[in-house]
Amino acid sequence: MVSMKHLRFLGNVTAVTLLVFTVACGPSLTLTDVDYAQPIESVMSPDQNGNVEDARMGVSFNITPLNVKELGQDSSLPEEVRVIRSRDGYYFVTAAGYSNVYVFKSAERSLELYETINVSEAGLANPAFNQRSPHIQLVDGNNEYRLTKDGIAN
């Protein structure tokens, strides 16, 4: 016959065993070699509040803080904002009139500035991004730049 003491002991052993298996077999699955690259750029027009959205890419954000950083407090919003995502998942953002390309990494409900890449002191006239793995290509007229998350590639 099994006593209450034995039943409690078996219950405790079972609980500990389940806990060990749950922890050991928990969320440890990792999918590797993920390619986040967006094959072509997104060209978005900000609304009157500075919000841009690309439903196809599944991203939306407000361009106003970046525009203020780039052009100053009283500057008007660009007509178009250009965004492309690299293989590693970094977002490259620029617009006509900007001197820089801003590289952002994803965070919880935010994009965090990772790097600022100065490409034109005079400001870009008509920028366009292309995916040229492992680089992001930025074309502006006759100028072409090969960009990485850390800057201009040689």
Protein backbone atom coordinates (compact mmCIF):
# COMPACT_ATOMS: atom_id res chain seq x y z
CA MET A 1 0.00 0.00 0.00
CA VAL A 2 1.21 3.54 -0.82
CA SER A 3 1.19 6.01 2.03
CA MET A 4 0.42 9.72 1.79
CA LYS A 5 4.09 10.40 2.43
CA HIS A 6 5.03 8.38 -0.64
CA LEU A 7 2.36 10.07 -2.78
CA ARG A 8 3.63 13.53 -1.80
CA PHE A 9 7.19 12.46 -2.53
CA LEU A 10 6.20 11.09 -5.96
CA GLY A 11 4.22 14.26 -6.66
CA ASN A 12 7.22 16.43 -5.80
CA VAL A 13 9.56 14.32 -7.94
CA THR A 14 7.12 14.54 -10.85
CA ALA A 15 6.82 18.32 -10.49
CA VAL A 16 10.60 18.77 -10.39
CA THR A 17 11.03 16.48 -13.41
CA LEU A 18 8.44 18.45 -15.40
CA LEU A 19 10.09 21.72 -14.42
CA VAL A 20 13.51 20.49 -15.56
CA PHE A 21 12.10 19.30 -18.91
CA THR A 22 10.16 22.53 -19.41
CA VAL A 23 13.23 24.67 -18.77
CA ALA A 24 15.53 22.40 -20.79
CA CYS A 25 13.12 22.13 -23.72
CA GLY A 26 11.72 25.63 -23.48
CA PRO A 27 12.19 28.48 -25.96
CA SER A 28 15.71 27.55 -27.01
CA LEU A 29 14.93 27.10 -30.69
CA THR A 30 16.97 29.41 -32.90
CA LEU A 31 16.47 29.80 -36.62
CA THR A 32 19.73 30.89 -38.21
CA ASP A 33 20.81 32.49 -41.47
CA VAL A 34 17.71 34.70 -41.61
CA ASP A 35 17.75 37.19 -44.47
CA TYR A 36 15.77 40.33 -43.57
CA ALA A 37 16.62 42.09 -46.84
CA GLN A 38 13.92 44.11 -48.47
CA PRO A 39 14.61 43.74 -52.21
CA ILE A 40 13.52 47.26 -53.19
CA GLU A 41 13.21 50.50 -51.31
CA SER A 42 10.01 51.88 -49.88
CA VAL A 43 9.17 55.42 -50.92
CA MET A 44 6.68 56.96 -48.49
CA SER A 45 5.09 60.39 -48.31
CA PRO A 46 4.68 61.79 -44.80
CA ASP A 47 1.23 62.94 -43.74
CA GLN A 48 0.73 66.41 -42.19
CA ASN A 49 1.88 65.00 -38.81
CA GLY A 50 5.07 63.46 -40.21
CA ASN A 51 3.86 59.86 -40.11
CA VAL A 52 5.00 57.47 -42.82
CA GLU A 53 3.73 53.96 -43.35
CA ASP A 54 4.56 51.06 -45.62
CA ALA A 55 1.95 48.34 -45.19
CA ARG A 56 3.87 46.04 -47.55
CA MET A 57 6.97 46.17 -45.37
CA GLY A 58 4.94 46.38 -42.17
CA VAL A 59 6.59 49.49 -40.76
CA SER A 60 5.34 52.91 -39.75
CA PHE A 61 7.02 55.72 -37.84
CA ASN A 62 7.14 59.49 -37.48
CA ILE A 63 9.85 61.20 -39.53
CA THR A 64 9.61 64.56 -37.71
CA PRO A 65 12.39 63.97 -35.11
CA LEU A 66 14.77 62.84 -37.85
CA ASN A 67 13.81 65.78 -40.06
CA VAL A 68 14.47 68.22 -37.18
CA LYS A 69 17.88 66.60 -36.56
CA GLU A 70 18.75 66.82 -40.24
CA LEU A 71 17.30 70.19 -41.28
CA GLY A 72 16.36 72.08 -38.12
CA GLN A 73 13.26 72.87 -36.08
CA ASP A 74 11.37 74.99 -38.62
CA SER A 75 12.06 72.85 -41.67
CA SER A 76 9.29 71.45 -43.81
CA LEU A 77 8.81 67.73 -44.14
CA PRO A 78 10.33 66.02 -47.19
CA GLU A 79 7.95 65.03 -49.98
CA GLU A 80 9.27 61.48 -49.89
CA VAL A 81 11.10 59.37 -47.33
CA ARG A 82 13.19 56.48 -48.63
CA VAL A 83 13.66 53.33 -46.55
CA ILE A 84 15.28 49.98 -47.24
CA ARG A 85 16.10 47.10 -44.92
CA SER A 86 19.41 45.27 -45.08
CA ARG A 87 20.03 41.54 -44.91
CA ASP A 88 20.95 41.95 -41.23
CA GLY A 89 17.69 43.75 -40.46
CA TYR A 90 18.94 47.35 -40.26
CA TYR A 91 16.77 50.13 -41.69
CA PHE A 92 18.45 52.74 -43.90
CA VAL A 93 16.50 56.02 -44.08
CA THR A 94 17.07 59.22 -46.07
CA ALA A 95 15.28 61.88 -48.12
CA ALA A 96 16.03 64.54 -50.72
CA GLY A 97 17.79 67.46 -49.04
CA TYR A 98 19.32 65.27 -46.32
CA SER A 99 23.11 65.11 -46.04
CA ASN A 100 23.03 61.79 -44.22
CA VAL A 101 21.68 58.28 -44.34
CA TYR A 102 20.43 57.14 -40.95
CA VAL A 103 20.81 53.50 -39.97
CA PHE A 104 18.35 52.18 -37.41
CA LYS A 105 18.04 48.88 -35.62
CA SER A 106 14.76 47.43 -34.44
CA ALA A 107 13.90 47.61 -30.77
CA GLU A 108 10.71 47.02 -28.83
CA ARG A 109 8.18 49.27 -30.58
CA SER A 110 10.93 51.62 -31.73
CA LEU A 111 13.75 52.17 -34.16
CA GLU A 112 17.02 53.06 -32.42
CA LEU A 113 19.67 55.09 -34.24
CA TYR A 114 22.66 52.84 -34.87
CA GLU A 115 24.76 55.00 -37.20
CA THR A 116 24.67 58.27 -39.11
CA ILE A 117 26.44 58.09 -42.48
CA ASN A 118 27.39 61.44 -44.02
CA VAL A 119 27.13 61.13 -47.80
CA SER A 120 26.69 64.68 -49.14
CA GLU A 121 27.48 68.01 -47.48
CA ALA A 122 25.29 69.77 -50.07
CA GLY A 123 22.36 67.42 -49.47
CA LEU A 124 21.03 64.63 -51.63
CA ALA A 125 19.08 65.73 -54.71
CA ASN A 126 17.24 62.57 -55.74
CA PRO A 127 18.34 59.59 -53.63
CA ALA A 128 17.38 55.99 -54.36
CA PHE A 129 18.27 52.79 -52.50
CA ASN A 130 18.93 49.38 -54.02
CA GLN A 131 19.68 46.04 -52.41
CA ARG A 132 23.14 44.91 -53.55
CA SER A 133 23.92 42.28 -50.95
CA PRO A 134 25.98 42.45 -48.86
CA HIS A 135 25.66 46.24 -49.31
CA ILE A 136 22.91 48.79 -49.63
CA GLN A 137 23.48 50.88 -52.73
CA LEU A 138 22.58 54.58 -52.58
CA VAL A 139 22.38 56.34 -55.94
CA ASP A 140 22.05 60.11 -56.21
CA GLY A 141 22.53 61.41 -59.74
CA ASN A 142 26.04 60.40 -60.83
CA ASN A 143 27.08 59.54 -57.27
CA GLU A 144 26.88 55.99 -55.99
CA TYR A 145 27.64 54.76 -52.48
CA ARG A 146 27.94 51.24 -51.12
CA LEU A 147 26.66 51.34 -47.55
CA THR A 148 26.87 48.98 -44.61
CA LYS A 149 25.38 49.41 -41.17
CA ASP A 150 28.72 50.90 -40.11
CA GLY A 151 29.29 53.39 -42.94
CA ILE A 152 30.48 53.66 -46.54
CA ALA A 153 32.18 50.50 -47.82
CA ASN A 154 35.38 50.71 -49.83
